[in-house]
PDB file of N, CA and C in Angstrom:
ATOM      1  N   MET A   1     -11.581  13.063   9.510  1.00  0.00           N
ATOM      2  CA  MET A   1     -11.487  13.309  10.610  1.00  0.00           C
ATOM      3  C   MET A   1     -10.364  12.733  11.861  1.00  0.00           C
ATOM      4  N   PHE A   2      -9.607  11.654  11.424  1.00  0.00           N
ATOM      5  CA  PHE A   2      -8.391  11.062  11.692  1.00  0.00           C
ATOM      6  C   PHE A   2      -7.421  11.954  11.822  1.00  0.00           C
ATOM      7  N   LEU A   3      -7.182  12.841  10.584  1.00  0.00           N
ATOM      8  CA  LEU A   3      -6.108  13.509  10.034  1.00  0.00           C
ATOM      9  C   LEU A   3      -6.025  14.882  11.304  1.00  0.00           C
ATOM     10  N   LEU A   4      -7.397  15.391  11.230  1.00  0.00           N
ATOM     11  CA  LEU A   4      -7.577  16.445  12.101  1.00  0.00           C
ATOM     12  C   LEU A   4      -7.495  16.426  13.309  1.00  0.00           C
ATOM     13  N   ALA A   5      -8.032  15.231  14.039  1.00  0.00           N
ATOM     14  CA  ALA A   5      -7.404  14.906  15.337  1.00  0.00           C
ATOM     15  C   ALA A   5      -5.827  14.609  15.696  1.00  0.00           C
ATOM     16  N   PHE A   6      -5.157  14.005  14.602  1.00  0.00           N
ATOM     17  CA  PHE A   6      -3.933  13.578  14.630  1.00  0.00           C
ATOM     18  C   PHE A   6      -3.164  15.026  14.763  1.00  0.00           C
ATOM     19  N   ARG A   7      -3.474  15.931  13.829  1.00  0.00           N
ATOM     20  CA  ARG A   7      -2.631  17.310  13.758  1.00  0.00           C
ATOM     21  C   ARG A   7      -2.831  18.156  15.008  1.00  0.00           C
ATOM     22  N   ALA A   8      -3.966  17.689  15.809  1.00  0.00           N
ATOM     23  CA  ALA A   8      -4.192  18.860  17.160  1.00  0.00           C
ATOM     24  C   ALA A   8      -3.708  18.090  17.963  1.00  0.00           C
ATOM     25  N   LEU A   9      -2.752  16.747  17.956  1.00  0.00           N
ATOM     26  CA  LEU A   9      -1.843  16.239  19.131  1.00  0.00           C
ATOM     27  C   LEU A   9      -0.815  17.205  19.173  1.00  0.00           C
ATOM     28  N   PRO A  10      -0.082  17.228  20.238  1.00  0.00           N
ATOM     29  CA  PRO A  10       1.369  17.446  20.334  1.00  0.00           C
ATOM     30  C   PRO A  10       2.780  17.010  19.696  1.00  0.00           C
ATOM     31  N   GLN A  11       3.285  17.292  19.426  1.00  0.00           N
ATOM     32  CA  GLN A  11       4.443  16.319  18.508  1.00  0.00           C
ATOM     33  C   GLN A  11       4.860  15.168  18.956  1.00  0.00           C
ATOM     34  N   ASP A  12       4.741  15.061  20.184  1.00  0.00           N
ATOM     35  CA  ASP A  12       5.750  14.046  20.707  1.00  0.00           C
ATOM     36  C   ASP A  12       4.575  12.829  20.916  1.00  0.00           C
ATOM     37  N   ALA A  13       3.359  13.018  21.161  1.00  0.00           N
ATOM     38  CA  ALA A  13       2.018  12.069  20.681  1.00  0.00           C
ATOM     39  C   ALA A  13       2.018  11.891  19.353  1.00  0.00           C
ATOM     40  N   ARG A  14       2.065  12.659  18.304  1.00  0.00           N
ATOM     41  CA  ARG A  14       2.217  12.149  17.080  1.00  0.00           C
ATOM     42  C   ARG A  14       3.246  11.303  16.698  1.00  0.00           C
ATOM     43  N   THR A  15       4.522  11.526  17.331  1.00  0.00           N
ATOM     44  CA  THR A  15       5.854  10.743  17.060  1.00  0.00           C
ATOM     45  C   THR A  15       5.525   9.385  17.783  1.00  0.00           C
ATOM     46  N   LYS A  16       4.615   9.170  18.941  1.00  0.00           N
ATOM     47  CA  LYS A  16       4.450   7.932  19.435  1.00  0.00           C
ATOM     48  C   LYS A  16       3.559   7.058  18.570  1.00  0.00           C
ATOM     49  N   ILE A  17       2.585   7.659  18.076  1.00  0.00           N
ATOM     50  CA  ILE A  17       1.654   7.092  17.391  1.00  0.00           C
ATOM     51  C   ILE A  17       2.484   6.472  16.235  1.00  0.00           C
ATOM     52  N   ILE A  18       2.860   7.238  15.384  1.00  0.00           N
ATOM     53  CA  ILE A  18       3.729   6.690  14.307  1.00  0.00           C
ATOM     54  C   ILE A  18       4.678   5.677  14.442  1.00  0.00           C
ATOM     55  N   GLU A  19       5.284   6.190  15.672  1.00  0.00           N
ATOM     56  CA  GLU A  19       6.535   4.681  16.142  1.00  0.00           C
ATOM     57  C   GLU A  19       5.814   3.398  16.304  1.00  0.00           C
ATOM     58  N   GLU A  20       4.375   3.565  17.035  1.00  0.00           N
ATOM     59  CA  GLU A  20       3.626   2.319  17.228  1.00  0.00           C
ATOM     60  C   GLU A  20       2.900   1.641  15.819  1.00  0.00           C
ATOM     61  N   LEU A  21       2.591   2.591  14.899  1.00  0.00           N
ATOM     62  CA  LEU A  21       2.301   2.137  13.563  1.00  0.00           C
ATOM     63  C   LEU A  21       3.161   1.206  12.750  1.00  0.00           C
ATOM     64  N   ILE A  22       4.270   1.975  12.831  1.00  0.00           N
ATOM     65  CA  ILE A  22       5.317   1.456  11.911  1.00  0.00           C
ATOM     66  C   ILE A  22       6.128   0.274  12.538  1.00  0.00           C
ATOM     67  N   SER A  23       5.934   0.086  13.771  1.00  0.00           N
ATOM     68  CA  SER A  23       6.162  -1.467  14.351  1.00  0.00           C
ATOM     69  C   SER A  23       5.322  -2.445  14.454  1.00  0.00           C
ATOM     70  N   ASP A  24       4.097  -1.927  14.016  1.00  0.00           N
ATOM     71  CA  ASP A  24       2.983  -3.228  13.618  1.00  0.00           C
ATOM     72  C   ASP A  24       3.110  -3.920  12.440  1.00  0.00           C
ATOM     73  N   GLU A  25       4.011  -4.993  12.203  1.00  0.00           N
ATOM     74  CA  GLU A  25       4.239  -5.424  10.857  1.00  0.00           C
ATOM     75  C   GLU A  25       2.887  -5.570   9.723  1.00  0.00           C
ATOM     76  N   ASP A  26       1.748  -5.898  10.339  1.00  0.00           N
ATOM     77  CA  ASP A  26       0.503  -5.853   9.327  1.00  0.00           C
ATOM     78  C   ASP A  26       0.298  -4.539   8.696  1.00  0.00           C
ATOM     79  N   VAL A  27       0.425  -3.372   9.762  1.00  0.00           N
ATOM     80  CA  VAL A  27       0.220  -2.178   9.081  1.00  0.00           C
ATOM     81  C   VAL A  27       1.216  -1.839   8.010  1.00  0.00           C
ATOM     82  N   TRP A  28       2.561  -2.133   8.408  1.00  0.00           N
ATOM     83  CA  TRP A  28       3.570  -1.861   7.810  1.00  0.00           C
ATOM     84  C   TRP A  28       3.456  -2.569   6.202  1.00  0.00           C
ATOM     85  N   GLU A  29       2.751  -3.501   6.545  1.00  0.00           N
ATOM     86  CA  GLU A  29       2.518  -4.350   4.891  1.00  0.00           C
ATOM     87  C   GLU A  29       1.116  -3.598   4.339  1.00  0.00           C
ATOM     88  N   ASP A  30       0.272  -3.144   4.919  1.00  0.00           N
ATOM     89  CA  ASP A  30      -0.627  -2.356   4.519  1.00  0.00           C
ATOM     90  C   ASP A  30      -0.517  -1.246   3.888  1.00  0.00           C
ATOM     91  N   LEU A  31       0.686  -0.563   4.590  1.00  0.00           N
ATOM     92  CA  LEU A  31       0.959   0.810   3.932  1.00  0.00           C
ATOM     93  C   LEU A  31       2.042   0.390   2.440  1.00  0.00           C
ATOM     94  N   GLU A  32       2.969  -0.540   2.370  1.00  0.00           N
ATOM     95  CA  GLU A  32       3.484  -0.841   1.498  1.00  0.00           C
ATOM     96  C   GLU A  32       2.820  -1.130   0.115  1.00  0.00           C
ATOM     97  N   ALA A  33       1.812  -1.994   0.481  1.00  0.00           N
ATOM     98  CA  ALA A  33       0.724  -2.278  -0.501  1.00  0.00           C
ATOM     99  C   ALA A  33       0.133  -1.071  -1.026  1.00  0.00           C
ATOM    100  N   ALA A  34      -0.335  -0.279  -0.025  1.00  0.00           N
ATOM    101  CA  ALA A  34      -1.070   1.281  -0.525  1.00  0.00           C
ATOM    102  C   ALA A  34       0.101   1.976  -1.428  1.00  0.00           C
ATOM    103  N   VAL A  35       1.170   2.042  -0.990  1.00  0.00           N
ATOM    104  CA  VAL A  35       2.137   2.727  -1.556  1.00  0.00           C
ATOM    105  C   VAL A  35       2.416   2.406  -2.947  1.00  0.00           C
ATOM    106  N   LEU A  36       2.516   0.783  -2.960  1.00  0.00           N
ATOM    107  CA  LEU A  36       2.764   0.097  -4.491  1.00  0.00           C
ATOM    108  C   LEU A  36       1.319   0.517  -5.330  1.00  0.00           C
ATOM    109  N   TRP A  37       0.399   0.089  -4.931  1.00  0.00           N
ATOM    110  CA  TRP A  37      -0.742   0.311  -5.849  1.00  0.00           C
ATOM    111  C   TRP A  37      -1.067   1.658  -6.129  1.00  0.00           C
ATOM    112  N   GLU A  38      -0.644   2.721  -5.467  1.00  0.00           N
ATOM    113  CA  GLU A  38      -0.566   4.247  -5.935  1.00  0.00           C
ATOM    114  C   GLU A  38       0.592   4.011  -7.010  1.00  0.00           C
ATOM    115  N   HIS A  39       1.612   3.551  -6.940  1.00  0.00           N
ATOM    116  CA  HIS A  39       2.775   4.043  -7.978  1.00  0.00           C
ATOM    117  C   HIS A  39       2.482   3.063  -9.249  1.00  0.00           C
ATOM    118  N   ARG A  40       1.765   2.168  -9.009  1.00  0.00           N
ATOM    119  CA  ARG A  40       1.232   1.068 -10.139  1.00  0.00           C
ATOM    120  C   ARG A  40      -0.192   1.631 -11.048  1.00  0.00           C
ATOM    121  N   LYS A  41      -0.870   2.384 -10.342  1.00  0.00           N
ATOM    122  CA  LYS A  41      -2.176   2.507 -10.852  1.00  0.00           C
ATOM    123  C   LYS A  41      -2.352   2.819 -12.041  1.00  0.00           C
ATOM    124  N   ASP A  42      -1.532   3.750 -12.790  1.00  0.00           N
ATOM    125  CA  ASP A  42      -1.718   4.266 -14.040  1.00  0.00           C
ATOM    126  C   ASP A  42      -1.135   2.811 -15.245  1.00  0.00           C
ATOM    127  N   GLU A  43      -0.475   1.619 -14.684  1.00  0.00           N
ATOM    128  CA  GLU A  43       0.174   0.777 -15.446  1.00  0.00           C
ATOM    129  C   GLU A  43      -1.351   0.186 -16.093  1.00  0.00           C
ATOM    130  N   PRO A  44      -0.923  -0.620 -17.674  1.00  0.00           N
ATOM    131  CA  PRO A  44      -1.612  -1.147 -18.266  1.00  0.00           C
ATOM    132  C   PRO A  44      -2.241  -2.447 -17.419  1.00  0.00           C
ATOM    133  N   ARG A  45      -3.597  -2.887 -17.792  1.00  0.00           N
ATOM    134  CA  ARG A  45      -4.218  -3.888 -17.065  1.00  0.00           C
ATOM    135  C   ARG A  45      -4.432  -5.102 -17.844  1.00  0.00           C
ATOM    136  N   MET A  46      -4.502  -5.937 -17.575  1.00  0.00           N
ATOM    137  CA  MET A  46      -5.079  -7.616 -18.265  1.00  0.00           C
ATOM    138  C   MET A  46      -5.273  -8.353 -17.462  1.00  0.00           C
ATOM    139  N   SER A  47      -6.590  -9.088 -18.163  1.00  0.00           N
ATOM    140  CA  SER A  47      -7.326  -9.954 -17.049  1.00  0.00           C
ATOM    141  C   SER A  47      -6.351 -11.086 -16.784  1.00  0.00           C
ATOM    142  N   PHE A  48      -6.902 -11.787 -15.671  1.00  0.00           N
ATOM    143  CA  PHE A  48      -6.293 -13.163 -15.569  1.00  0.00           C
ATOM    144  C   PHE A  48      -6.236 -13.838 -16.726  1.00  0.00           C
ATOM    145  N   ASP A  49      -7.325 -14.176 -17.266  1.00  0.00           N
ATOM    146  CA  ASP A  49      -7.558 -14.950 -18.514  1.00  0.00           C
ATOM    147  C   ASP A  49      -6.532 -14.716 -19.419  1.00  0.00           C
ATOM    148  N   GLU A  50      -6.421 -13.306 -19.707  1.00  0.00           N
ATOM    149  CA  GLU A  50      -5.369 -12.811 -20.987  1.00  0.00           C
ATOM    150  C   GLU A  50      -3.641 -12.865 -20.447  1.00  0.00           C
ATOM    151  N   TYR A  51      -3.749 -13.051 -19.061  1.00  0.00           N
ATOM    152  CA  TYR A  51      -2.011 -13.072 -18.465  1.00  0.00           C
ATOM    153  C   TYR A  51      -1.811 -14.676 -18.535  1.00  0.00           C
ATOM    154  N   LEU A  52      -3.080 -15.416 -18.470  1.00  0.00           N
ATOM    155  CA  LEU A  52      -2.826 -17.034 -18.646  1.00  0.00           C
ATOM    156  C   LEU A  52      -2.437 -17.328 -20.307  1.00  0.00           C
ATOM    157  N   ALA A  53      -3.049 -16.686 -21.040  1.00  0.00           N
ATOM    158  CA  ALA A  53      -2.964 -17.166 -22.546  1.00  0.00           C
ATOM    159  C   ALA A  53      -1.709 -16.604 -22.950  1.00  0.00           C
ATOM    160  N   GLU A  54      -1.202 -15.388 -22.641  1.00  0.00           N
ATOM    161  CA  GLU A  54       0.024 -14.629 -23.018  1.00  0.00           C
ATOM    162  C   GLU A  54       1.462 -15.724 -22.233  1.00  0.00           C
ATOM    163  N   ARG A  55       0.753 -16.130 -21.089  1.00  0.00           N
ATOM    164  CA  ARG A  55       2.138 -17.053 -20.552  1.00  0.00           C
ATOM    165  C   ARG A  55       2.114 -18.549 -21.422  1.00  0.00           C
ATOM    166  N   GLU A  56       1.134 -18.716 -21.404  1.00  0.00           N
ATOM    167  CA  GLU A  56       0.823 -19.954 -22.399  1.00  0.00           C
ATOM    168  C   GLU A  56       1.641 -19.983 -23.675  1.00  0.00           C
ATOM    169  N   ALA A  57       1.642 -18.872 -24.328  1.00  0.00           N
ATOM    170  CA  ALA A  57       2.258 -18.443 -25.788  1.00  0.00           C
ATOM    171  C   ALA A  57       3.563 -18.317 -25.455  1.00  0.00           C
ATOM    172  N   ARG A  58       4.147 -17.869 -24.402  1.00  0.00           N
ATOM    173  CA  ARG A  58       5.365 -17.643 -24.341  1.00  0.00           C
ATOM    174  C   ARG A  58       6.269 -19.082 -23.954  1.00  0.00           C
ATOM    175  N   GLN A  59       5.224 -20.105 -23.509  1.00  0.00           N
ATOM    176  CA  GLN A  59       5.971 -21.399 -23.213  1.00  0.00           C
ATOM    177  C   GLN A  59       5.913 -22.083 -24.346  1.00  0.00           C
ATOM    178  N   GLU A  60       5.517 -21.895 -25.464  1.00  0.00           N
ATOM    179  CA  GLU A  60       5.436 -22.673 -26.688  1.00  0.00           C
ATOM    180  C   GLU A  60       6.555 -22.509 -27.542  1.00  0.00           C
TER     181      GLU A  60
END
């Protein structure tokens, strides 16, 4: 719904909204996190316990 309304706005209004969004540090961090998540979503996963066990094994 937001995207439909956004697209209906004049170009200068859309530009202003985007400028406001990217100037907000919290919004920018959320966008970065979303992009990173999307980029890494197909990487193999391991549980925290598995990570700790692997880390401990490397330190020995």
